[in-house]
């Protein structure tokens, strides 16, 4: 099982980093080739350290797990998705909510709405949330790290 390698590494990492109140679950999705790991802790200090400012520590740890997996299993194409206390799930729901509210405003006013700069991962969440709408479209503008999304009314619907 591919996830056994990650379970062993993560157990040792959490133990050596003295995160004593942590446990985690590992779920493999063979169709999507993803391994989802959710670390849970009741200690807010531990969760804050694992997540980091704006999820930076979480992203770095996820990248490390993906690098380990690629090095140990180069013939397989698995991807690790790491979360702590469902932080990412809650954060993504906030992004989807922001996208829905902005799209609603654009549909009402027929004026473009520019969202703040976001990571590629966050922009993808917004693009996917708006994709099925027929009254507005999304477009990414700018260069990293200032790349952002603008939500616009569908051509021909703009206010004159």
C-alpha atoms as a PDB file:
ATOM      1  CA  UNK A   1       0.000   0.000   0.000  1.00  0.00           C
ATOM      2  CA  UNK A   2       1.438   3.355  -1.083  1.00  0.00           C
ATOM      3  CA  UNK A   3       0.117   5.169   1.977  1.00  0.00           C
ATOM      4  CA  UNK A   4       2.073   2.964   4.425  1.00  0.00           C
ATOM      5  CA  UNK A   5       5.258   4.861   3.581  1.00  0.00           C
ATOM      6  CA  UNK A   6       3.590   8.200   4.322  1.00  0.00           C
ATOM      7  CA  UNK A   7       1.992   6.948   7.535  1.00  0.00           C
ATOM      8  CA  UNK A   8       5.385   5.867   8.836  1.00  0.00           C
ATOM      9  CA  UNK A   9       7.047   9.173   7.915  1.00  0.00           C
ATOM     10  CA  UNK A  10       4.227  11.300   9.336  1.00  0.00           C
ATOM     11  CA  UNK A  11       4.118   9.313  12.594  1.00  0.00           C
ATOM     12  CA  UNK A  12       7.852   9.802  13.085  1.00  0.00           C
ATOM     13  CA  UNK A  13       7.679  13.475  12.111  1.00  0.00           C
ATOM     14  CA  UNK A  14       4.843  14.273  14.525  1.00  0.00           C
ATOM     15  CA  UNK A  15       6.562  12.335  17.319  1.00  0.00           C
ATOM     16  CA  UNK A  16       9.966  13.994  16.795  1.00  0.00           C
ATOM     17  CA  UNK A  17       8.376  17.438  16.476  1.00  0.00           C
ATOM     18  CA  UNK A  18       6.668  16.748  19.840  1.00  0.00           C
ATOM     19  CA  UNK A  19       3.127  17.076  18.491  1.00  0.00           C
ATOM     20  CA  UNK A  20       1.761  14.735  21.138  1.00  0.00           C
ATOM     21  CA  UNK A  21      -1.938  15.532  20.746  1.00  0.00           C
ATOM     22  CA  UNK A  22      -2.100  14.685  17.042  1.00  0.00           C
ATOM     23  CA  UNK A  23      -3.614  11.769  15.228  1.00  0.00           C
ATOM     24  CA  UNK A  24      -4.271  11.344  11.537  1.00  0.00           C
ATOM     25  CA  UNK A  25      -6.300   9.409   9.016  1.00  0.00           C
ATOM     26  CA  UNK A  26      -5.103   8.330   5.590  1.00  0.00           C
ATOM     27  CA  UNK A  27      -7.480   7.649   2.715  1.00  0.00           C
ATOM     28  CA  UNK A  28      -6.381   6.376  -0.686  1.00  0.00           C
ATOM     29  CA  UNK A  29      -8.417   7.084  -3.803  1.00  0.00           C
ATOM     30  CA  UNK A  30      -7.103   4.716  -6.456  1.00  0.00           C
ATOM     31  CA  UNK A  31      -9.184   6.276  -9.237  1.00  0.00           C
ATOM     32  CA  UNK A  32      -7.913   9.830  -8.618  1.00  0.00           C
ATOM     33  CA  UNK A  33      -4.493   8.543  -7.483  1.00  0.00           C
ATOM     34  CA  UNK A  34      -4.678  10.730  -4.365  1.00  0.00           C
ATOM     35  CA  UNK A  35      -3.789  10.056  -0.771  1.00  0.00           C
ATOM     36  CA  UNK A  36      -5.730  12.320   1.582  1.00  0.00           C
ATOM     37  CA  UNK A  37      -4.244  12.801   5.024  1.00  0.00           C
ATOM     38  CA  UNK A  38      -6.148  14.684   7.696  1.00  0.00           C
ATOM     39  CA  UNK A  39      -4.248  15.468  10.888  1.00  0.00           C
ATOM     40  CA  UNK A  40      -6.472  16.151  13.877  1.00  0.00           C
ATOM     41  CA  UNK A  41      -5.526  17.773  17.145  1.00  0.00           C
ATOM     42  CA  UNK A  42      -7.445  19.366  19.987  1.00  0.00           C
ATOM     43  CA  UNK A  43      -4.488  21.597  20.822  1.00  0.00           C
ATOM     44  CA  UNK A  44      -4.929  24.948  19.060  1.00  0.00           C
ATOM     45  CA  UNK A  45      -1.211  25.738  19.406  1.00  0.00           C
ATOM     46  CA  UNK A  46      -0.293  22.491  17.629  1.00  0.00           C
ATOM     47  CA  UNK A  47      -2.833  23.066  14.864  1.00  0.00           C
ATOM     48  CA  UNK A  48      -1.605  26.650  14.448  1.00  0.00           C
ATOM     49  CA  UNK A  49       1.997  25.477  14.145  1.00  0.00           C
ATOM     50  CA  UNK A  50       1.093  22.770  11.640  1.00  0.00           C
ATOM     51  CA  UNK A  51      -1.051  25.118   9.529  1.00  0.00           C
ATOM     52  CA  UNK A  52       1.149  28.225   9.792  1.00  0.00           C
ATOM     53  CA  UNK A  53       0.308  31.719   8.598  1.00  0.00           C
ATOM     54  CA  UNK A  54      -2.189  31.482   5.733  1.00  0.00           C
ATOM     55  CA  UNK A  55      -1.559  27.726   5.501  1.00  0.00           C
ATOM     56  CA  UNK A  56       2.139  28.087   4.626  1.00  0.00           C
ATOM     57  CA  UNK A  57       3.415  25.311   6.930  1.00  0.00           C
ATOM     58  CA  UNK A  58       0.657  23.005   5.739  1.00  0.00           C
ATOM     59  CA  UNK A  59       1.631  23.636   2.100  1.00  0.00           C
ATOM     60  CA  UNK A  60       5.323  22.978   2.813  1.00  0.00           C
ATOM     61  CA  UNK A  61       4.593  19.746   4.683  1.00  0.00           C
ATOM     62  CA  UNK A  62       2.306  18.604   1.857  1.00  0.00           C
ATOM     63  CA  UNK A  63       5.046  19.364  -0.680  1.00  0.00           C
ATOM     64  CA  UNK A  64       7.562  17.408   1.419  1.00  0.00           C
ATOM     65  CA  UNK A  65       5.221  14.401   1.560  1.00  0.00           C
ATOM     66  CA  UNK A  66       4.740  14.574  -2.217  1.00  0.00           C
ATOM     67  CA  UNK A  67       8.519  14.718  -2.773  1.00  0.00           C
ATOM     68  CA  UNK A  68       9.067  11.703  -0.505  1.00  0.00           C
ATOM     69  CA  UNK A  69       6.354   9.783  -2.320  1.00  0.00           C
ATOM     70  CA  UNK A  70       7.803  10.587  -5.765  1.00  0.00           C
ATOM     71  CA  UNK A  71      11.327   9.626  -4.669  1.00  0.00           C
ATOM     72  CA  UNK A  72      10.261   6.321  -3.098  1.00  0.00           C
ATOM     73  CA  UNK A  73       7.726   5.379  -5.802  1.00  0.00           C
ATOM     74  CA  UNK A  74       8.954   6.988  -9.057  1.00  0.00           C
ATOM     75  CA  UNK A  75       6.973   4.543 -11.208  1.00  0.00           C
ATOM     76  CA  UNK A  76       3.664   5.613  -9.643  1.00  0.00           C
ATOM     77  CA  UNK A  77       1.829   8.906 -10.038  1.00  0.00           C
ATOM     78  CA  UNK A  78       0.199   9.529  -6.665  1.00  0.00           C
ATOM     79  CA  UNK A  79      -0.539  12.939  -5.134  1.00  0.00           C
ATOM     80  CA  UNK A  80      -0.813  13.752  -1.424  1.00  0.00           C
ATOM     81  CA  UNK A  81      -3.466  16.152  -0.158  1.00  0.00           C
ATOM     82  CA  UNK A  82      -2.779  17.181   3.440  1.00  0.00           C
ATOM     83  CA  UNK A  83      -5.167  18.910   5.837  1.00  0.00           C
ATOM     84  CA  UNK A  84      -5.166  19.803   9.531  1.00  0.00           C
ATOM     85  CA  UNK A  85      -8.477  19.883  11.427  1.00  0.00           C
ATOM     86  CA  UNK A  86     -10.225  20.338   8.055  1.00  0.00           C
ATOM     87  CA  UNK A  87      -8.586  23.771   7.670  1.00  0.00           C
ATOM     88  CA  UNK A  88      -8.327  23.450   3.892  1.00  0.00           C
ATOM     89  CA  UNK A  89     -11.894  22.251   3.499  1.00  0.00           C
ATOM     90  CA  UNK A  90     -13.195  25.208   5.518  1.00  0.00           C
ATOM     91  CA  UNK A  91     -10.902  27.641   3.692  1.00  0.00           C
ATOM     92  CA  UNK A  92     -12.024  26.359   0.290  1.00  0.00           C
ATOM     93  CA  UNK A  93     -15.662  26.755   1.317  1.00  0.00           C
ATOM     94  CA  UNK A  94     -14.934  30.400   2.212  1.00  0.00           C
ATOM     95  CA  UNK A  95     -13.356  30.870  -1.239  1.00  0.00           C
ATOM     96  CA  UNK A  96     -16.396  29.326  -2.934  1.00  0.00           C
ATOM     97  CA  UNK A  97     -18.665  31.594  -0.889  1.00  0.00           C
ATOM     98  CA  UNK A  98     -16.609  34.658  -1.895  1.00  0.00           C
ATOM     99  CA  UNK A  99     -16.811  33.571  -5.546  1.00  0.00           C
ATOM    100  CA  UNK A 100     -20.598  33.102  -5.383  1.00  0.00           C
ATOM    101  CA  UNK A 101     -21.139  36.495  -3.721  1.00  0.00           C
ATOM    102  CA  UNK A 102     -18.884  38.308  -6.198  1.00  0.00           C
ATOM    103  CA  UNK A 103     -20.521  36.547  -9.170  1.00  0.00           C
ATOM    104  CA  UNK A 104     -23.968  37.492  -7.870  1.00  0.00           C
ATOM    105  CA  UNK A 105     -22.881  41.134  -7.565  1.00  0.00           C
ATOM    106  CA  UNK A 106     -21.428  41.115 -11.098  1.00  0.00           C
ATOM    107  CA  UNK A 107     -24.623  39.575 -12.473  1.00  0.00           C
ATOM    108  CA  UNK A 108     -26.693  42.310 -10.781  1.00  0.00           C
ATOM    109  CA  UNK A 109     -24.531  45.343 -11.579  1.00  0.00           C
ATOM    110  CA  UNK A 110     -23.023  44.147 -14.886  1.00  0.00           C
ATOM    111  CA  UNK A 111     -19.695  45.546 -13.645  1.00  0.00           C
ATOM    112  CA  UNK A 112     -16.470  43.496 -13.315  1.00  0.00           C
ATOM    113  CA  UNK A 113     -15.280  42.495  -9.838  1.00  0.00           C
ATOM    114  CA  UNK A 114     -11.598  41.981  -9.082  1.00  0.00           C
ATOM    115  CA  UNK A 115     -10.671  39.525  -6.344  1.00  0.00           C
ATOM    116  CA  UNK A 116      -7.475  39.881  -4.288  1.00  0.00           C
ATOM    117  CA  UNK A 117      -4.276  38.063  -5.347  1.00  0.00           C
ATOM    118  CA  UNK A 118      -4.471  34.295  -4.793  1.00  0.00           C
ATOM    119  CA  UNK A 119      -2.372  31.183  -5.213  1.00  0.00           C
ATOM    120  CA  UNK A 120      -2.953  29.003  -8.271  1.00  0.00           C
ATOM    121  CA  UNK A 121      -4.708  26.442  -6.075  1.00  0.00           C
ATOM    122  CA  UNK A 122      -7.111  29.085  -4.709  1.00  0.00           C
ATOM    123  CA  UNK A 123      -7.764  30.538  -8.161  1.00  0.00           C
ATOM    124  CA  UNK A 124      -8.660  27.074  -9.400  1.00  0.00           C
ATOM    125  CA  UNK A 125     -11.309  26.751  -6.659  1.00  0.00           C
ATOM    126  CA  UNK A 126     -12.847  30.085  -7.729  1.00  0.00           C
ATOM    127  CA  UNK A 127     -12.741  29.264 -11.463  1.00  0.00           C
ATOM    128  CA  UNK A 128     -14.437  25.904 -10.847  1.00  0.00           C
ATOM    129  CA  UNK A 129     -17.111  27.477  -8.641  1.00  0.00           C
ATOM    130  CA  UNK A 130     -18.065  29.996 -11.343  1.00  0.00           C
ATOM    131  CA  UNK A 131     -17.560  27.700 -14.363  1.00  0.00           C
ATOM    132  CA  UNK A 132     -21.162  26.502 -14.675  1.00  0.00           C
ATOM    133  CA  UNK A 133     -22.678  29.977 -14.554  1.00  0.00           C
ATOM    134  CA  UNK A 134     -23.877  31.382 -17.866  1.00  0.00           C
ATOM    135  CA  UNK A 135     -24.108  35.038 -16.822  1.00  0.00           C
ATOM    136  CA  UNK A 136     -20.496  35.642 -15.696  1.00  0.00           C
ATOM    137  CA  UNK A 137     -16.975  34.488 -16.623  1.00  0.00           C
ATOM    138  CA  UNK A 138     -13.653  34.436 -14.788  1.00  0.00           C
ATOM    139  CA  UNK A 139     -10.225  35.426 -16.003  1.00  0.00           C
ATOM    140  CA  UNK A 140      -6.845  35.354 -14.260  1.00  0.00           C
ATOM    141  CA  UNK A 141      -4.774  38.532 -14.575  1.00  0.00           C
ATOM    142  CA  UNK A 142      -1.306  39.635 -13.527  1.00  0.00           C
ATOM    143  CA  UNK A 143       1.895  37.857 -12.619  1.00  0.00           C
ATOM    144  CA  UNK A 144       2.729  35.807  -9.528  1.00  0.00           C
ATOM    145  CA  UNK A 145       2.558  36.564  -6.655  1.00  0.00           C
ATOM    146  CA  UNK A 146       0.007  39.265  -7.530  1.00  0.00           C
ATOM    147  CA  UNK A 147      -2.026  37.083  -9.924  1.00  0.00           C
ATOM    148  CA  UNK A 148      -5.728  37.479  -9.289  1.00  0.00           C
ATOM    149  CA  UNK A 149      -9.140  36.739 -10.773  1.00  0.00           C
ATOM    150  CA  UNK A 150     -11.540  39.179 -12.321  1.00  0.00           C
ATOM    151  CA  UNK A 151     -15.183  38.143 -12.608  1.00  0.00           C
ATOM    152  CA  UNK A 152     -16.928  39.784 -15.557  1.00  0.00           C
ATOM    153  CA  UNK A 153     -20.401  39.726 -17.043  1.00  0.00           C
ATOM    154  CA  UNK A 154     -20.679  37.603 -20.177  1.00  0.00           C
ATOM    155  CA  UNK A 155     -19.900  39.710 -23.283  1.00  0.00           C
ATOM    156  CA  UNK A 156     -22.923  41.637 -24.466  1.00  0.00           C
ATOM    157  CA  UNK A 157     -24.259  41.975 -20.911  1.00  0.00           C
ATOM    158  CA  UNK A 158     -21.954  44.768 -19.738  1.00  0.00           C
ATOM    159  CA  UNK A 159     -23.510  48.012 -18.581  1.00  0.00           C
ATOM    160  CA  UNK A 160     -23.101  50.865 -21.117  1.00  0.00           C
END
